[in-house]
PDB file of N, CA and C in Angstrom:
ATOM      1  N   MET A   1      16.321 -40.948 -16.810  1.00  0.00           N
ATOM      2  CA  MET A   1      16.907 -39.498 -16.780  1.00  0.00           C
ATOM      3  C   MET A   1      16.026 -38.681 -17.133  1.00  0.00           C
ATOM      4  N   GLU A   2      16.078 -37.543 -16.136  1.00  0.00           N
ATOM      5  CA  GLU A   2      15.251 -36.644 -16.542  1.00  0.00           C
ATOM      6  C   GLU A   2      15.722 -35.375 -17.331  1.00  0.00           C
ATOM      7  N   HIS A   3      14.799 -34.758 -18.271  1.00  0.00           N
ATOM      8  CA  HIS A   3      15.080 -33.998 -19.279  1.00  0.00           C
ATOM      9  C   HIS A   3      15.256 -32.672 -18.532  1.00  0.00           C
ATOM     10  N   ILE A   4      16.263 -31.937 -18.727  1.00  0.00           N
ATOM     11  CA  ILE A   4      16.571 -30.369 -18.004  1.00  0.00           C
ATOM     12  C   ILE A   4      16.742 -29.725 -19.125  1.00  0.00           C
ATOM     13  N   GLU A   5      16.031 -28.398 -19.022  1.00  0.00           N
ATOM     14  CA  GLU A   5      16.074 -27.308 -20.436  1.00  0.00           C
ATOM     15  C   GLU A   5      17.314 -26.467 -19.762  1.00  0.00           C
ATOM     16  N   PRO A   6      17.969 -25.770 -20.895  1.00  0.00           N
ATOM     17  CA  PRO A   6      18.992 -25.303 -20.821  1.00  0.00           C
ATOM     18  C   PRO A   6      18.755 -23.942 -20.395  1.00  0.00           C
ATOM     19  N   VAL A   7      19.793 -23.227 -19.517  1.00  0.00           N
ATOM     20  CA  VAL A   7      19.670 -22.090 -19.106  1.00  0.00           C
ATOM     21  C   VAL A   7      19.760 -20.995 -20.281  1.00  0.00           C
ATOM     22  N   GLU A   8      18.889 -19.995 -20.471  1.00  0.00           N
ATOM     23  CA  GLU A   8      19.020 -18.818 -21.417  1.00  0.00           C
ATOM     24  C   GLU A   8      19.785 -17.938 -20.765  1.00  0.00           C
ATOM     25  N   VAL A   9      20.686 -17.759 -21.800  1.00  0.00           N
ATOM     26  CA  VAL A   9      21.780 -16.498 -21.294  1.00  0.00           C
ATOM     27  C   VAL A   9      21.455 -15.497 -22.383  1.00  0.00           C
ATOM     28  N   LYS A  10      21.884 -14.307 -21.855  1.00  0.00           N
ATOM     29  CA  LYS A  10      21.298 -13.093 -22.876  1.00  0.00           C
ATOM     30  C   LYS A  10      22.679 -13.079 -23.534  1.00  0.00           C
ATOM     31  N   GLU A  11      22.873 -12.760 -25.097  1.00  0.00           N
ATOM     32  CA  GLU A  11      24.120 -12.328 -25.511  1.00  0.00           C
ATOM     33  C   GLU A  11      24.031 -10.743 -25.626  1.00  0.00           C
ATOM     34  N   ASN A  12      23.138  -9.913 -25.517  1.00  0.00           N
ATOM     35  CA  ASN A  12      23.259  -8.453 -25.598  1.00  0.00           C
ATOM     36  C   ASN A  12      22.500  -8.017 -24.511  1.00  0.00           C
ATOM     37  N   LEU A  13      23.215  -7.012 -23.489  1.00  0.00           N
ATOM     38  CA  LEU A  13      22.409  -6.310 -22.847  1.00  0.00           C
ATOM     39  C   LEU A  13      21.413  -5.397 -23.270  1.00  0.00           C
ATOM     40  N   THR A  14      20.522  -4.845 -22.530  1.00  0.00           N
ATOM     41  CA  THR A  14      19.919  -3.795 -23.025  1.00  0.00           C
ATOM     42  C   THR A  14      20.002  -2.469 -22.276  1.00  0.00           C
ATOM     43  N   GLU A  15      19.671  -1.389 -22.727  1.00  0.00           N
ATOM     44  CA  GLU A  15      19.991  -0.222 -21.495  1.00  0.00           C
ATOM     45  C   GLU A  15      19.492  -0.285 -20.208  1.00  0.00           C
ATOM     46  N   LEU A  16      18.323  -0.970 -20.388  1.00  0.00           N
ATOM     47  CA  LEU A  16      17.541  -1.194 -19.146  1.00  0.00           C
ATOM     48  C   LEU A  16      18.007  -2.420 -18.294  1.00  0.00           C
ATOM     49  N   ASP A  17      18.732  -3.472 -19.107  1.00  0.00           N
ATOM     50  CA  ASP A  17      19.795  -4.513 -18.082  1.00  0.00           C
ATOM     51  C   ASP A  17      20.809  -3.698 -17.480  1.00  0.00           C
ATOM     52  N   LEU A  18      21.225  -2.616 -18.212  1.00  0.00           N
ATOM     53  CA  LEU A  18      22.648  -1.967 -17.718  1.00  0.00           C
ATOM     54  C   LEU A  18      22.184  -0.913 -16.712  1.00  0.00           C
ATOM     55  N   GLU A  19      21.179  -0.579 -16.595  1.00  0.00           N
ATOM     56  CA  GLU A  19      20.697   0.249 -15.466  1.00  0.00           C
ATOM     57  C   GLU A  19      20.512  -0.543 -14.320  1.00  0.00           C
ATOM     58  N   GLY A  20      19.824  -1.378 -14.417  1.00  0.00           N
ATOM     59  CA  GLY A  20      19.370  -2.896 -13.286  1.00  0.00           C
ATOM     60  C   GLY A  20      20.985  -3.219 -12.644  1.00  0.00           C
ATOM     61  N   ILE A  21      21.784  -3.564 -13.860  1.00  0.00           N
ATOM     62  CA  ILE A  21      23.100  -3.653 -13.201  1.00  0.00           C
ATOM     63  C   ILE A  21      23.906  -2.797 -12.566  1.00  0.00           C
ATOM     64  N   ASP A  22      23.807  -1.602 -12.999  1.00  0.00           N
ATOM     65  CA  ASP A  22      24.412  -0.439 -12.400  1.00  0.00           C
ATOM     66  C   ASP A  22      23.997  -0.147 -10.774  1.00  0.00           C
ATOM     67  N   LYS A  23      22.657  -0.286 -10.798  1.00  0.00           N
ATOM     68  CA  LYS A  23      21.822  -0.192  -9.532  1.00  0.00           C
ATOM     69  C   LYS A  23      22.633  -1.087  -8.445  1.00  0.00           C
ATOM     70  N   ILE A  24      22.614  -2.635  -8.924  1.00  0.00           N
ATOM     71  CA  ILE A  24      22.922  -3.530  -8.179  1.00  0.00           C
ATOM     72  C   ILE A  24      24.441  -3.363  -7.921  1.00  0.00           C
ATOM     73  N   ALA A  25      25.378  -2.942  -8.524  1.00  0.00           N
ATOM     74  CA  ALA A  25      26.572  -2.716  -8.412  1.00  0.00           C
ATOM     75  C   ALA A  25      27.035  -1.572  -7.286  1.00  0.00           C
ATOM     76  N   GLU A  26      26.145  -0.659  -7.377  1.00  0.00           N
ATOM     77  CA  GLU A  26      26.082   0.502  -6.457  1.00  0.00           C
ATOM     78  C   GLU A  26      25.709   0.067  -4.876  1.00  0.00           C
ATOM     79  N   ASP A  27      24.646  -0.658  -4.841  1.00  0.00           N
ATOM     80  CA  ASP A  27      24.259  -1.374  -3.856  1.00  0.00           C
ATOM     81  C   ASP A  27      25.135  -2.353  -3.187  1.00  0.00           C
ATOM     82  N   ALA A  28      25.665  -2.868  -3.802  1.00  0.00           N
ATOM     83  CA  ALA A  28      27.138  -3.831  -3.497  1.00  0.00           C
ATOM     84  C   ALA A  28      28.166  -3.095  -3.059  1.00  0.00           C
ATOM     85  N   VAL A  29      28.697  -1.947  -3.757  1.00  0.00           N
ATOM     86  CA  VAL A  29      29.788  -1.541  -3.097  1.00  0.00           C
ATOM     87  C   VAL A  29      29.310  -0.358  -2.151  1.00  0.00           C
ATOM     88  N   ASP A  30      28.103   0.116  -1.826  1.00  0.00           N
ATOM     89  CA  ASP A  30      27.743   0.814  -0.772  1.00  0.00           C
ATOM     90  C   ASP A  30      27.568  -0.089   0.485  1.00  0.00           C
ATOM     91  N   PHE A  31      27.357  -1.650   0.374  1.00  0.00           N
ATOM     92  CA  PHE A  31      27.754  -2.632   1.173  1.00  0.00           C
ATOM     93  C   PHE A  31      28.972  -2.494   1.725  1.00  0.00           C
ATOM     94  N   ILE A  32      30.009  -2.725   0.687  1.00  0.00           N
ATOM     95  CA  ILE A  32      31.475  -3.005   1.070  1.00  0.00           C
ATOM     96  C   ILE A  32      32.059  -1.543   1.588  1.00  0.00           C
ATOM     97  N   ASN A  33      31.531  -0.388   1.096  1.00  0.00           N
ATOM     98  CA  ASN A  33      32.111   0.710   1.923  1.00  0.00           C
ATOM     99  C   ASN A  33      31.535   1.174   3.359  1.00  0.00           C
ATOM    100  N   SER A  34      30.362   0.773   3.715  1.00  0.00           N
ATOM    101  CA  SER A  34      30.067   0.926   4.979  1.00  0.00           C
ATOM    102  C   SER A  34      30.346  -0.442   6.033  1.00  0.00           C
ATOM    103  N   GLY A  35      31.093  -1.314   5.222  1.00  0.00           N
ATOM    104  CA  GLY A  35      31.255  -2.419   6.168  1.00  0.00           C
ATOM    105  C   GLY A  35      30.288  -3.343   6.663  1.00  0.00           C
ATOM    106  N   LYS A  36      29.070  -3.407   6.081  1.00  0.00           N
ATOM    107  CA  LYS A  36      28.158  -4.387   6.223  1.00  0.00           C
ATOM    108  C   LYS A  36      28.517  -5.583   5.585  1.00  0.00           C
ATOM    109  N   MET A  37      29.175  -5.781   4.616  1.00  0.00           N
ATOM    110  CA  MET A  37      29.673  -6.938   3.898  1.00  0.00           C
ATOM    111  C   MET A  37      31.069  -6.720   3.367  1.00  0.00           C
ATOM    112  N   ASP A  38      31.733  -7.967   3.427  1.00  0.00           N
ATOM    113  CA  ASP A  38      33.241  -8.147   2.723  1.00  0.00           C
ATOM    114  C   ASP A  38      33.007  -8.056   0.999  1.00  0.00           C
ATOM    115  N   VAL A  39      33.955  -7.675   0.745  1.00  0.00           N
ATOM    116  CA  VAL A  39      33.939  -8.164  -0.883  1.00  0.00           C
ATOM    117  C   VAL A  39      33.297  -9.373  -1.623  1.00  0.00           C
ATOM    118  N   ARG A  40      33.899 -10.751  -0.815  1.00  0.00           N
ATOM    119  CA  ARG A  40      33.221 -11.933  -1.654  1.00  0.00           C
ATOM    120  C   ARG A  40      31.403 -11.694  -1.127  1.00  0.00           C
ATOM    121  N   ALA A  41      31.075 -11.187   0.007  1.00  0.00           N
ATOM    122  CA  ALA A  41      29.723 -11.591   0.416  1.00  0.00           C
ATOM    123  C   ALA A  41      28.939 -10.615  -0.616  1.00  0.00           C
ATOM    124  N   ALA A  42      29.465  -9.297  -0.760  1.00  0.00           N
ATOM    125  CA  ALA A  42      28.712  -8.422  -1.869  1.00  0.00           C
ATOM    126  C   ALA A  42      28.817  -8.876  -3.007  1.00  0.00           C
ATOM    127  N   SER A  43      29.967  -9.491  -3.447  1.00  0.00           N
ATOM    128  CA  SER A  43      29.959 -10.059  -4.693  1.00  0.00           C
ATOM    129  C   SER A  43      28.850 -11.294  -5.043  1.00  0.00           C
ATOM    130  N   ARG A  44      28.509 -11.924  -4.091  1.00  0.00           N
ATOM    131  CA  ARG A  44      27.726 -13.234  -4.263  1.00  0.00           C
ATOM    132  C   ARG A  44      26.332 -12.827  -4.183  1.00  0.00           C
ATOM    133  N   TRP A  45      26.165 -11.550  -3.106  1.00  0.00           N
ATOM    134  CA  TRP A  45      25.079 -11.124  -3.175  1.00  0.00           C
ATOM    135  C   TRP A  45      24.437 -10.148  -4.719  1.00  0.00           C
ATOM    136  N   ALA A  46      25.326  -9.926  -5.145  1.00  0.00           N
ATOM    137  CA  ALA A  46      25.305  -8.965  -6.361  1.00  0.00           C
ATOM    138  C   ALA A  46      24.827  -9.606  -7.588  1.00  0.00           C
ATOM    139  N   ILE A  47      25.565 -11.063  -7.571  1.00  0.00           N
ATOM    140  CA  ILE A  47      25.430 -12.165  -8.701  1.00  0.00           C
ATOM    141  C   ILE A  47      23.832 -12.654  -8.514  1.00  0.00           C
ATOM    142  N   HIS A  48      23.750 -12.797  -7.397  1.00  0.00           N
ATOM    143  CA  HIS A  48      22.215 -13.741  -6.970  1.00  0.00           C
ATOM    144  C   HIS A  48      21.300 -12.760  -7.005  1.00  0.00           C
ATOM    145  N   SER A  49      21.229 -11.529  -7.165  1.00  0.00           N
ATOM    146  CA  SER A  49      20.481 -10.207  -7.605  1.00  0.00           C
ATOM    147  C   SER A  49      20.120 -10.015  -8.972  1.00  0.00           C
ATOM    148  N   LEU A  50      20.731 -10.647  -9.728  1.00  0.00           N
ATOM    149  CA  LEU A  50      20.956 -10.624 -11.245  1.00  0.00           C
ATOM    150  C   LEU A  50      19.856 -11.373 -11.569  1.00  0.00           C
ATOM    151  N   GLU A  51      18.977 -10.624 -12.893  1.00  0.00           N
ATOM    152  CA  GLU A  51      17.881 -11.502 -13.263  1.00  0.00           C
ATOM    153  C   GLU A  51      18.687 -12.867 -13.838  1.00  0.00           C
ATOM    154  N   ASP A  52      19.806 -12.699 -14.693  1.00  0.00           N
ATOM    155  CA  ASP A  52      20.414 -13.114 -15.496  1.00  0.00           C
ATOM    156  C   ASP A  52      21.728 -13.666 -14.955  1.00  0.00           C
ATOM    157  N   GLU A  53      21.511 -14.617 -13.650  1.00  0.00           N
ATOM    158  CA  GLU A  53      22.951 -14.574 -12.704  1.00  0.00           C
ATOM    159  C   GLU A  53      24.002 -15.245 -13.432  1.00  0.00           C
ATOM    160  N   TRP A  54      23.664 -16.280 -14.604  1.00  0.00           N
ATOM    161  CA  TRP A  54      24.327 -17.068 -15.139  1.00  0.00           C
ATOM    162  C   TRP A  54      25.031 -16.726 -16.261  1.00  0.00           C
ATOM    163  N   GLY A  55      24.492 -15.799 -16.694  1.00  0.00           N
ATOM    164  CA  GLY A  55      24.759 -14.849 -18.135  1.00  0.00           C
ATOM    165  C   GLY A  55      26.072 -14.306 -17.787  1.00  0.00           C
ATOM    166  N   PHE A  56      27.293 -14.333 -18.710  1.00  0.00           N
ATOM    167  CA  PHE A  56      28.491 -13.720 -18.529  1.00  0.00           C
ATOM    168  C   PHE A  56      28.327 -12.332 -18.800  1.00  0.00           C
ATOM    169  N   PRO A  57      27.816 -11.937 -19.947  1.00  0.00           N
ATOM    170  CA  PRO A  57      27.570 -10.822 -20.360  1.00  0.00           C
ATOM    171  C   PRO A  57      27.032  -9.680 -19.001  1.00  0.00           C
ATOM    172  N   SER A  58      26.133 -10.202 -18.136  1.00  0.00           N
ATOM    173  CA  SER A  58      25.586  -9.816 -17.289  1.00  0.00           C
ATOM    174  C   SER A  58      26.649  -9.521 -15.987  1.00  0.00           C
ATOM    175  N   ILE A  59      27.272 -10.614 -15.554  1.00  0.00           N
ATOM    176  CA  ILE A  59      28.375 -10.793 -14.676  1.00  0.00           C
ATOM    177  C   ILE A  59      29.507  -9.927 -14.968  1.00  0.00           C
ATOM    178  N   THR A  60      29.868  -9.737 -16.321  1.00  0.00           N
ATOM    179  CA  THR A  60      31.040  -8.821 -16.719  1.00  0.00           C
ATOM    180  C   THR A  60      30.696  -7.627 -16.419  1.00  0.00           C
ATOM    181  N   ALA A  61      29.812  -7.073 -16.877  1.00  0.00           N
ATOM    182  CA  ALA A  61      29.000  -6.127 -16.725  1.00  0.00           C
ATOM    183  C   ALA A  61      28.903  -5.600 -15.345  1.00  0.00           C
ATOM    184  N   LEU A  62      28.239  -6.153 -14.412  1.00  0.00           N
ATOM    185  CA  LEU A  62      28.222  -5.905 -12.861  1.00  0.00           C
ATOM    186  C   LEU A  62      29.807  -6.033 -12.313  1.00  0.00           C
ATOM    187  N   TYR A  63      30.523  -6.563 -12.491  1.00  0.00           N
ATOM    188  CA  TYR A  63      32.140  -6.586 -12.156  1.00  0.00           C
ATOM    189  C   TYR A  63      32.685  -5.157 -12.540  1.00  0.00           C
ATOM    190  N   HIS A  64      32.471  -4.690 -13.675  1.00  0.00           N
ATOM    191  CA  HIS A  64      33.083  -3.557 -14.616  1.00  0.00           C
ATOM    192  C   HIS A  64      32.211  -2.435 -13.496  1.00  0.00           C
ATOM    193  N   LYS A  65      31.182  -2.440 -13.216  1.00  0.00           N
ATOM    194  CA  LYS A  65      30.331  -1.311 -12.587  1.00  0.00           C
ATOM    195  C   LYS A  65      30.967  -1.500 -11.015  1.00  0.00           C
ATOM    196  N   MET A  66      31.012  -2.503 -10.648  1.00  0.00           N
ATOM    197  CA  MET A  66      31.431  -2.648  -9.115  1.00  0.00           C
ATOM    198  C   MET A  66      33.177  -1.874  -8.821  1.00  0.00           C
ATOM    199  N   VAL A  67      33.894  -2.292 -10.084  1.00  0.00           N
ATOM    200  CA  VAL A  67      35.177  -1.675 -10.109  1.00  0.00           C
ATOM    201  C   VAL A  67      34.985  -0.517 -10.458  1.00  0.00           C
ATOM    202  N   GLU A  68      34.442   0.266 -11.245  1.00  0.00           N
ATOM    203  CA  GLU A  68      34.381   1.498 -11.311  1.00  0.00           C
ATOM    204  C   GLU A  68      33.712   2.332  -9.972  1.00  0.00           C
ATOM    205  N   ARG A  69      33.075   1.800  -9.594  1.00  0.00           N
ATOM    206  CA  ARG A  69      32.185   2.417  -8.351  1.00  0.00           C
ATOM    207  C   ARG A  69      33.095   2.605  -7.150  1.00  0.00           C
ATOM    208  N   LEU A  70      33.954   1.224  -7.012  1.00  0.00           N
ATOM    209  CA  LEU A  70      34.912   1.137  -5.912  1.00  0.00           C
ATOM    210  C   LEU A  70      36.270   2.333  -6.262  1.00  0.00           C
ATOM    211  N   GLU A  71      35.945   3.519  -7.016  1.00  0.00           N
ATOM    212  CA  GLU A  71      37.091   4.310  -7.199  1.00  0.00           C
ATOM    213  C   GLU A  71      38.036   4.717  -6.193  1.00  0.00           C
ATOM    214  N   SER A  72      37.627   4.944  -5.270  1.00  0.00           N
ATOM    215  CA  SER A  72      38.804   5.467  -4.300  1.00  0.00           C
ATOM    216  C   SER A  72      39.037   4.314  -3.087  1.00  0.00           C
ATOM    217  N   ASN A  73      38.513   3.408  -3.262  1.00  0.00           N
ATOM    218  CA  ASN A  73      38.529   2.313  -2.044  1.00  0.00           C
ATOM    219  C   ASN A  73      39.424   1.254  -2.887  1.00  0.00           C
ATOM    220  N   PHE A  74      40.897   1.558  -2.846  1.00  0.00           N
ATOM    221  CA  PHE A  74      41.588   0.603  -3.464  1.00  0.00           C
ATOM    222  C   PHE A  74      42.100  -0.422  -3.132  1.00  0.00           C
ATOM    223  N   GLN A  75      41.941  -0.888  -1.690  1.00  0.00           N
ATOM    224  CA  GLN A  75      41.898  -2.095  -1.177  1.00  0.00           C
ATOM    225  C   GLN A  75      40.767  -3.294  -1.400  1.00  0.00           C
ATOM    226  N   ALA A  76      39.773  -2.502  -1.511  1.00  0.00           N
ATOM    227  CA  ALA A  76      38.374  -3.367  -1.866  1.00  0.00           C
ATOM    228  C   ALA A  76      38.487  -3.743  -3.467  1.00  0.00           C
ATOM    229  N   LYS A  77      38.666  -2.765  -3.770  1.00  0.00           N
ATOM    230  CA  LYS A  77      39.080  -2.763  -5.550  1.00  0.00           C
ATOM    231  C   LYS A  77      39.973  -4.114  -6.010  1.00  0.00           C
ATOM    232  N   ARG A  78      41.320  -4.248  -5.262  1.00  0.00           N
ATOM    233  CA  ARG A  78      42.212  -5.090  -5.592  1.00  0.00           C
ATOM    234  C   ARG A  78      41.647  -6.396  -4.986  1.00  0.00           C
ATOM    235  N   GLU A  79      40.604  -6.143  -3.857  1.00  0.00           N
ATOM    236  CA  GLU A  79      40.353  -7.834  -3.552  1.00  0.00           C
ATOM    237  C   GLU A  79      39.185  -8.340  -4.492  1.00  0.00           C
ATOM    238  N   LEU A  80      38.583  -7.389  -4.634  1.00  0.00           N
ATOM    239  CA  LEU A  80      37.425  -7.789  -5.950  1.00  0.00           C
ATOM    240  C   LEU A  80      37.898  -8.262  -7.183  1.00  0.00           C
ATOM    241  N   VAL A  81      39.152  -7.524  -7.882  1.00  0.00           N
ATOM    242  CA  VAL A  81      39.869  -8.095  -8.987  1.00  0.00           C
ATOM    243  C   VAL A  81      40.334  -9.528  -8.750  1.00  0.00           C
ATOM    244  N   ARG A  82      40.967  -9.525  -7.464  1.00  0.00           N
ATOM    245  CA  ARG A  82      41.812 -10.967  -7.013  1.00  0.00           C
ATOM    246  C   ARG A  82      40.559 -12.014  -7.081  1.00  0.00           C
ATOM    247  N   TYR A  83      39.428 -11.766  -6.474  1.00  0.00           N
ATOM    248  CA  TYR A  83      38.380 -12.869  -6.292  1.00  0.00           C
ATOM    249  C   TYR A  83      37.604 -13.136  -7.574  1.00  0.00           C
ATOM    250  N   VAL A  84      37.541 -12.130  -8.719  1.00  0.00           N
ATOM    251  CA  VAL A  84      36.948 -12.395  -9.891  1.00  0.00           C
ATOM    252  C   VAL A  84      38.136 -13.246 -10.760  1.00  0.00           C
ATOM    253  N   GLN A  85      39.330 -12.845 -10.279  1.00  0.00           N
ATOM    254  CA  GLN A  85      40.353 -13.868 -11.498  1.00  0.00           C
ATOM    255  C   GLN A  85      40.119 -15.371 -10.742  1.00  0.00           C
ATOM    256  N   MET A  86      40.317 -15.461  -9.354  1.00  0.00           N
ATOM    257  CA  MET A  86      39.966 -16.757  -8.705  1.00  0.00           C
ATOM    258  C   MET A  86      38.700 -17.650  -9.407  1.00  0.00           C
ATOM    259  N   TRP A  87      37.630 -16.771  -9.456  1.00  0.00           N
ATOM    260  CA  TRP A  87      36.424 -17.355  -9.910  1.00  0.00           C
ATOM    261  C   TRP A  87      36.572 -17.768 -11.145  1.00  0.00           C
TER     262      TRP A  87
END
């Protein structure tokens, strides 16, 4: 059996982490609002753009930023929230 190292997960996000997450959220929401991607595709793209893509603090911050940025696109916001709840 091959030894596998555990994935490191950040427990606390720095200001730089939050700035990067906000930029990813901004780009993902731009993709949604422009029609280049649907909510699921933009969400997947955003998660894979994170340096710490399996860290729940990063993912939680990302989805909060995406919901904030989808301020006037209620249909996409509702779809994103439903997608996150299923996930």
